[in-house]
Protein backbone atom coordinates (compact mmCIF):
# COMPACT_ATOMS: atom_id res chain seq x y z
CA PHE A 1 144.63 -32.89 -205.92
CA ALA A 2 147.12 -33.33 -208.78
CA ALA A 3 146.48 -29.80 -210.04
CA GLN A 4 146.61 -28.30 -206.55
CA ARG A 5 149.96 -29.94 -205.82
CA HIS A 6 151.33 -29.24 -209.33
CA VAL A 7 152.07 -32.92 -209.84
CA LEU A 8 152.16 -32.49 -213.62
CA THR A 9 154.86 -29.82 -213.30
CA TYR A 10 157.11 -32.20 -211.38
CA MET A 11 156.37 -35.16 -213.64
CA GLU A 12 157.30 -33.12 -216.72
CA ASP A 13 160.49 -31.90 -215.03
CA ALA A 14 161.43 -35.41 -213.89
CA VAL A 15 160.98 -36.83 -217.39
CA SER A 16 162.95 -33.93 -218.88
CA GLN A 17 165.85 -34.59 -216.49
CA LEU A 18 165.63 -38.30 -217.17
CA LEU A 19 166.00 -37.76 -220.92
CA GLU A 20 168.73 -35.17 -220.48
CA ASN A 21 170.82 -37.39 -218.18
CA ARG A 22 169.78 -40.85 -219.39
CA GLU A 23 173.37 -42.06 -219.77
CA ASP A 24 174.26 -41.19 -216.18
CA ILE A 25 170.94 -42.49 -214.83
CA SER A 26 171.20 -45.84 -216.61
CA GLN A 27 173.62 -47.11 -213.95
CA TYR A 28 171.12 -46.32 -211.18
CA GLY A 29 167.87 -47.38 -212.76
CA ILE A 30 164.77 -45.40 -213.64
CA ALA A 31 162.82 -46.48 -210.56
CA ARG A 32 165.55 -45.23 -208.25
CA PHE A 33 165.78 -41.98 -210.21
CA PHE A 34 162.09 -41.19 -209.75
CA THR A 35 162.26 -42.17 -206.07
CA GLU A 36 165.17 -39.83 -205.41
CA TYR A 37 163.69 -37.06 -207.54
CA PHE A 38 160.44 -36.93 -205.60
CA ASN A 39 162.29 -37.31 -202.31
CA SER A 40 164.25 -34.19 -203.24
CA VAL A 41 160.97 -32.43 -204.06
CA ARG A 42 159.60 -33.41 -200.66
CA GLN A 43 162.76 -32.24 -198.89
CA GLY A 44 162.90 -28.98 -200.87
CA THR A 45 166.39 -29.51 -202.30
CA HIS A 46 165.15 -29.92 -205.88
CA ILE A 47 165.37 -26.17 -206.61
CA LEU A 48 169.12 -25.86 -206.06
CA PHE A 49 171.07 -24.45 -209.02
CA ARG A 50 167.97 -24.65 -211.20
CA GLU A 51 166.78 -22.04 -213.67
CA PHE A 52 164.55 -19.27 -212.34
CA SER A 53 161.57 -20.36 -214.41
CA PHE A 54 161.53 -23.62 -212.44
CA VAL A 55 162.34 -22.06 -209.06
CA GLN A 56 159.26 -19.83 -209.23
CA ALA A 57 157.00 -22.32 -211.03
CA THR A 58 155.03 -23.52 -207.96
CA PRO A 59 154.32 -22.27 -204.42
CA HIS A 60 156.26 -25.25 -203.04
CA ASN A 61 159.28 -24.34 -205.15
CA ARG A 62 159.17 -20.76 -203.92
CA ALA A 63 158.87 -21.81 -200.29
CA SER A 64 161.71 -24.30 -200.76
CA PHE A 65 163.93 -21.60 -202.27
CA LEU A 66 163.19 -19.22 -199.40
CA ARG A 67 163.98 -21.89 -196.84
CA THR A 68 167.18 -22.86 -198.62
CA PHE A 69 168.34 -19.24 -198.90
CA TRP A 70 167.77 -18.77 -195.18
CA ARG A 71 169.56 -21.98 -194.18
CA CYS A 72 172.54 -21.32 -196.43
CA PHE A 73 173.13 -17.68 -195.51
CA ARG A 74 171.67 -17.21 -192.02
CA THR A 75 175.24 -16.86 -190.69
CA VAL A 76 175.48 -13.59 -192.62
CA GLY A 77 173.38 -12.07 -189.87
CA LYS A 78 174.56 -14.31 -187.04
CA ASN A 79 178.34 -13.95 -187.07
CA GLY A 80 180.81 -11.12 -187.11
CA GLY A 81 181.01 -7.57 -185.85
CA LYS A 82 178.60 -4.71 -185.64
CA TYR A 83 178.23 -4.09 -189.38
CA SER A 84 179.10 -7.52 -190.74
CA ASN A 85 175.47 -8.47 -191.34
CA LEU A 86 174.67 -5.36 -193.40
CA LEU A 87 174.76 -5.84 -197.16
CA THR A 88 173.60 -3.94 -200.22
CA ALA A 89 170.94 -5.11 -202.64
CA GLN A 90 173.65 -6.06 -205.13
CA GLU A 91 175.41 -8.20 -202.53
CA TYR A 92 172.19 -9.99 -201.58
CA HIS A 93 171.56 -10.56 -205.26
CA CYS A 94 174.96 -12.25 -205.56
CA LEU A 95 173.95 -14.63 -202.75
CA LEU A 96 170.69 -15.42 -204.54
CA GLN A 97 172.59 -16.16 -207.74
CA LEU A 98 174.71 -18.73 -205.91
CA LEU A 99 171.51 -20.78 -205.62
CA CYS A 100 169.82 -19.69 -208.86
CA PRO A 101 172.32 -18.33 -211.43
CA ASP A 102 169.72 -16.47 -213.53
CA PHE A 103 167.76 -14.98 -210.63
CA PRO A 104 166.49 -11.58 -211.87
CA MET A 105 167.94 -8.46 -210.31
CA GLU A 106 164.56 -6.75 -210.58
CA LEU A 107 163.03 -8.96 -207.87
CA THR A 108 165.96 -8.23 -205.56
CA GLN A 109 165.55 -4.51 -206.12
CA LYS A 110 161.83 -4.69 -205.40
CA ALA A 111 162.51 -6.51 -202.13
CA ALA A 112 165.16 -3.94 -201.19
CA ARG A 113 162.72 -1.12 -201.94
CA ILE A 114 160.29 -2.56 -199.39
CA VAL A 115 162.99 -2.13 -196.75
CA LEU A 116 164.43 1.17 -197.94
CA MET A 117 161.20 2.68 -199.29
CA ASP A 118 163.18 4.79 -201.76
CA ASP A 119 165.52 4.39 -204.70
CA ALA A 120 168.76 4.33 -202.70
CA MET A 121 169.65 0.82 -203.75
CA ASP A 122 173.23 1.15 -202.45
CA CYS A 123 172.09 1.46 -198.82
CA LEU A 124 172.90 -1.32 -196.38
CA MET A 125 170.24 -3.71 -195.06
CA SER A 126 170.29 -6.29 -192.30
CA PHE A 127 169.82 -9.93 -193.25
CA SER A 128 166.55 -10.26 -191.34
CA ASP A 129 165.02 -7.11 -192.87
CA PHE A 130 165.94 -8.18 -196.39
CA LEU A 131 164.90 -11.80 -195.88
CA PHE A 132 161.35 -11.08 -194.72
CA ALA A 133 160.86 -8.40 -197.39
CA PHE A 134 162.22 -10.78 -200.02
CA GLN A 135 159.86 -13.50 -198.82
CA ILE A 136 156.81 -11.29 -199.43
CA GLN A 137 158.07 -10.02 -202.79
CA PHE A 138 159.10 -13.43 -204.12
CA TYR A 139 156.29 -15.63 -202.85
CA TYR A 140 153.45 -13.18 -203.49
CA SER A 141 154.91 -11.61 -206.64
CA GLU A 142 151.77 -11.78 -208.80
CA PHE A 143 149.58 -10.62 -205.92
CA LEU A 144 151.75 -7.55 -205.36
CA GLU A 145 151.60 -6.61 -209.04
CA SER A 146 147.82 -6.53 -208.80
CA VAL A 147 147.95 -4.63 -205.49
CA ALA A 148 150.14 -1.96 -207.12
CA ALA A 149 147.59 -1.52 -209.93
CA ILE A 150 144.69 -1.28 -207.45
CA TYR A 151 146.57 1.24 -205.32
CA GLN A 152 147.30 3.45 -208.33
CA ASP A 153 143.62 3.38 -209.33
CA LEU A 154 142.53 4.35 -205.82
CA LEU A 155 145.05 7.21 -205.76
CA ALA A 156 143.63 8.44 -209.07
CA GLY A 157 140.12 8.31 -207.69
CA LYS A 158 139.08 5.37 -209.83
CA ASN A 159 136.99 2.47 -208.61
CA PRO A 160 138.94 -0.68 -209.49
CA ASN A 161 135.90 -2.86 -210.14
CA THR A 162 137.90 -4.97 -212.55
CA VAL A 163 140.65 -6.72 -210.62
CA ILE A 164 143.85 -7.04 -212.61
CA VAL A 165 145.28 -10.51 -212.14
CA PRO A 166 148.51 -11.57 -213.85
CA THR A 167 147.87 -14.39 -216.29
CA SER A 168 151.38 -15.77 -216.59
CA SER A 169 154.16 -16.79 -214.20
CA SER A 170 156.74 -17.26 -216.90
CA GLY A 171 159.33 -15.31 -214.96
CA GLN A 172 158.99 -12.11 -217.01
CA HIS A 173 158.22 -9.64 -214.25
CA ARG A 174 156.95 -6.26 -215.28
CA GLN A 175 158.62 -3.10 -214.04
CA ARG A 176 156.47 -1.83 -211.19
CA GLN A 177 156.19 1.94 -211.05
CA PRO A 178 156.75 2.91 -207.40
CA PRO A 179 153.65 4.70 -206.05
CA ASN A 180 154.27 8.11 -204.57
CA ASP A 181 154.70 7.37 -200.86
CA CYS A 182 156.98 10.26 -200.03
CA ASN A 183 154.45 12.00 -197.76
CA PRO A 184 153.39 9.74 -194.86
CA LEU A 185 150.03 11.56 -194.77
CA GLU A 186 149.27 10.36 -198.26
CA GLY A 187 147.88 6.99 -199.15
CA VAL A 188 144.43 5.52 -199.65
CA GLU A 189 141.54 4.83 -197.33
CA ALA A 190 142.35 1.58 -195.58
CA SER A 191 138.81 0.18 -195.50
CA LEU A 192 138.29 0.71 -199.24
CA PHE A 193 141.75 -0.68 -199.92
CA TYR A 194 140.84 -3.85 -198.02
CA GLN A 195 137.58 -4.30 -199.91
CA CYS A 196 139.52 -4.28 -203.17
CA LEU A 197 142.15 -6.68 -201.82
CA GLU A 198 139.49 -9.04 -200.51
CA SER A 199 137.95 -9.18 -203.97
CA LEU A 200 141.39 -9.74 -205.46
CA CYS A 201 142.09 -12.68 -203.14
CA ASP A 202 138.73 -14.25 -203.96
CA ARG A 203 139.38 -14.09 -207.71
CA SER A 204 143.12 -14.67 -207.91
CA LYS A 205 144.47 -18.10 -208.82
CA TYR A 206 147.86 -17.17 -207.41
CA SER A 207 149.04 -17.19 -203.81
CA CYS A 208 147.63 -14.43 -201.61
CA PRO A 209 148.13 -13.62 -197.92
CA PRO A 210 145.28 -14.78 -195.64
CA SER A 211 142.42 -12.29 -195.94
CA ALA A 212 141.76 -12.32 -192.19
CA LEU A 213 145.32 -11.20 -191.46
CA VAL A 214 145.20 -8.50 -194.12
CA LYS A 215 141.90 -7.24 -192.67
CA GLU A 216 143.37 -7.14 -189.18
CA MET A 217 146.36 -5.22 -190.49
CA LEU A 218 144.31 -2.59 -192.34
CA SER A 219 141.61 -2.21 -189.69
CA SER A 220 144.12 -0.64 -187.29
CA VAL A 221 144.78 2.39 -189.51
CA GLN A 222 142.69 4.92 -191.41
CA ARG A 223 144.98 5.35 -194.41
CA MET A 224 147.70 3.17 -195.88
CA THR A 225 150.49 3.79 -198.37
CA PHE A 226 151.64 1.13 -200.81
CA TYR A 227 155.08 0.58 -199.32
CA GLY A 228 153.65 0.89 -195.84
CA PHE A 229 151.39 -2.03 -196.74
CA LEU A 230 154.31 -4.09 -198.10
CA MET A 231 156.38 -3.40 -195.00
CA ALA A 232 153.45 -4.40 -192.78
CA LEU A 233 153.16 -7.68 -194.73
CA ALA A 234 156.88 -8.33 -194.30
CA LYS A 235 156.79 -7.71 -190.55
CA ASP A 236 153.60 -9.66 -189.82
CA GLN A 237 154.56 -12.90 -188.10
CA GLY A 238 151.09 -14.34 -188.66
CA ILE A 239 151.60 -14.13 -192.41
CA ASN A 240 155.08 -15.58 -192.00
CA ARG A 241 153.68 -18.57 -190.11
CA ALA A 242 150.89 -19.04 -192.65
CA LEU A 243 153.45 -19.17 -195.45
CA GLY A 244 155.55 -21.66 -193.48
CA ALA A 245 158.92 -21.20 -195.17
CA LEU A 246 160.83 -19.24 -192.50
CA PRO A 247 160.94 -19.40 -188.71
CA ASP A 248 159.79 -16.55 -186.49
CA LYS A 249 162.14 -13.59 -186.40
CA GLY A 250 163.32 -14.51 -182.90
CA ASP A 251 164.44 -17.93 -184.15
CA LEU A 252 165.86 -16.72 -187.45
CA PHE A 253 169.46 -17.61 -186.64
CA LEU A 254 168.64 -20.98 -185.10
CA ASP A 255 168.78 -24.15 -187.19
CA PRO A 256 169.55 -27.13 -184.92
CA ALA A 257 169.51 -29.70 -187.73
CA MET A 258 172.05 -27.79 -189.80
CA ASP A 259 174.17 -26.96 -186.73
CA GLN A 260 174.28 -30.66 -185.86
CA GLU A 261 175.51 -31.56 -189.36
CA ILE A 262 178.19 -28.86 -189.16
CA GLU A 263 179.31 -30.11 -185.75
CA LYS A 264 179.66 -33.64 -187.16
CA LEU A 265 181.82 -32.37 -190.00
CA VAL A 266 183.98 -30.31 -187.63
CA ALA A 267 184.41 -33.33 -185.35
CA GLN A 268 185.48 -35.50 -188.28
CA VAL A 269 188.01 -32.94 -189.50
CA SER A 270 189.35 -32.41 -185.97
CA GLY A 271 189.70 -36.17 -185.45
CA LEU A 272 191.99 -36.42 -188.46
CA SER A 273 194.49 -33.92 -187.08
CA VAL A 274 194.47 -34.65 -183.34
CA SER A 275 197.42 -37.07 -183.41
CA GLY A 276 198.90 -35.97 -186.72
CA PRO A 277 202.02 -34.05 -185.61
CA ALA A 278 202.96 -36.49 -182.84
CA SER A 279 202.33 -39.68 -184.74
CA SER A 280 205.25 -41.63 -186.17
CA SER A 281 205.25 -42.94 -189.71
CA ALA A 282 204.84 -46.47 -188.35
CA ASP A 283 201.77 -45.48 -186.38
CA THR A 284 200.37 -43.84 -189.45
CA ALA A 285 200.93 -46.96 -191.49
CA ASN A 286 199.13 -49.08 -188.88
CA MET A 287 196.07 -46.82 -188.71
CA PRO A 288 192.88 -48.64 -189.74
CA ALA A 289 191.23 -47.44 -192.89
CA ARG A 290 188.42 -44.98 -192.34
CA ASN A 291 185.13 -46.45 -193.41
CA SER A 292 182.78 -43.71 -192.30
CA PRO A 293 179.81 -43.32 -194.64
CA ARG A 294 179.92 -40.68 -197.33
CA ILE A 295 178.01 -37.55 -196.29
CA ASN A 296 175.83 -36.32 -199.10
CA SER A 297 175.21 -32.61 -198.95
CA PRO A 298 171.50 -31.82 -198.69
CA TRP A 299 172.05 -28.88 -201.02
CA LYS A 300 172.70 -30.78 -204.27
CA PRO A 301 169.83 -31.48 -206.62
CA LEU A 302 169.57 -34.98 -207.99
CA HIS A 303 170.98 -34.48 -211.46
CA HIS A 304 173.91 -32.38 -210.19
CA ARG A 305 174.75 -34.91 -207.51
CA ARG A 306 174.81 -37.76 -210.03
CA LYS A 307 177.21 -35.90 -212.29
CA MET A 308 179.49 -34.98 -209.41
CA ASP A 309 179.45 -38.52 -208.03
CA ALA A 310 180.34 -39.90 -211.46
CA GLU A 311 183.17 -37.40 -211.93
CA SER A 312 184.60 -37.97 -208.47
CA GLU A 313 184.58 -41.78 -208.69
CA GLY A 314 187.91 -43.18 -207.53
CA SER A 315 189.00 -40.03 -205.73
CA ASN A 316 189.94 -39.91 -202.04
CA GLU A 317 187.58 -37.08 -201.26
CA GLU A 318 185.22 -38.04 -198.41
CA THR A 319 182.77 -35.15 -198.57
CA ASP A 320 182.04 -32.17 -200.74
CA SER A 321 181.06 -30.19 -197.67
CA SER A 322 184.30 -30.51 -195.68
CA GLU A 323 185.80 -27.45 -197.36
CA ASN A 324 183.15 -25.28 -195.80
């Protein structure tokens, strides 16, 4: 169970943060630190502003990052005019770097290529198209590297008896040579392709899409191109539900919990200014002190929140989120 849930990874990270921030943590206590650390892991906020090597270290971290990216930037596709939700790969990469400063551009480009299926990286993409392509590329990164190698062998007429499985998830992603998918009539035999992928999923120690869903996807066609396969993975709602990080496409711009928090913040800000212009100085002086509880943003990891709380001690700022 400990290995399956990557408990050792989180224990090592917690101890590392404890040693790095021991002076700040001493005022809270070690027991409280570990409690809050593992609560943040459970809630999925532990990956915020962390280095990429940690963000992609476990399947839970990857799912948490995908969910956080969606919740933070879903309004990119929800609000505005006709073209307001269309961004380039570089612009989406800038959004990713707001959550993970050293997020590699190569992964963003690979996700964009799933949508665009060519090298025109300056083309515009909708938020939903990019998000679901990015989910497949990021969460199943090692799997896709092996799929690319198998596809190239099948194109060359080789029998990929030996499945190539990446042996390291250190964050150093190899440059994937795009298979030649220019002609839609090209590709490989779908049934043979599935046999190779089924063997890959059986042997791989990394995350793979459910074999039954992959079989269903490939059984409906005679031939399949590499990027056609990636696009089919990105559009398959069964695979999206199995992964469990994002809602269905129809609910992509709905997040009642976050909307409720935003409404509370708006109501608080509006309440401060309702009687402001008409109030006399005497009325202002007689106003009772506000004692509403501090609202902690769910998007701050533990060690960042401690530092910010320590630095803001004694200030009159009620919430870090009110500027949004």
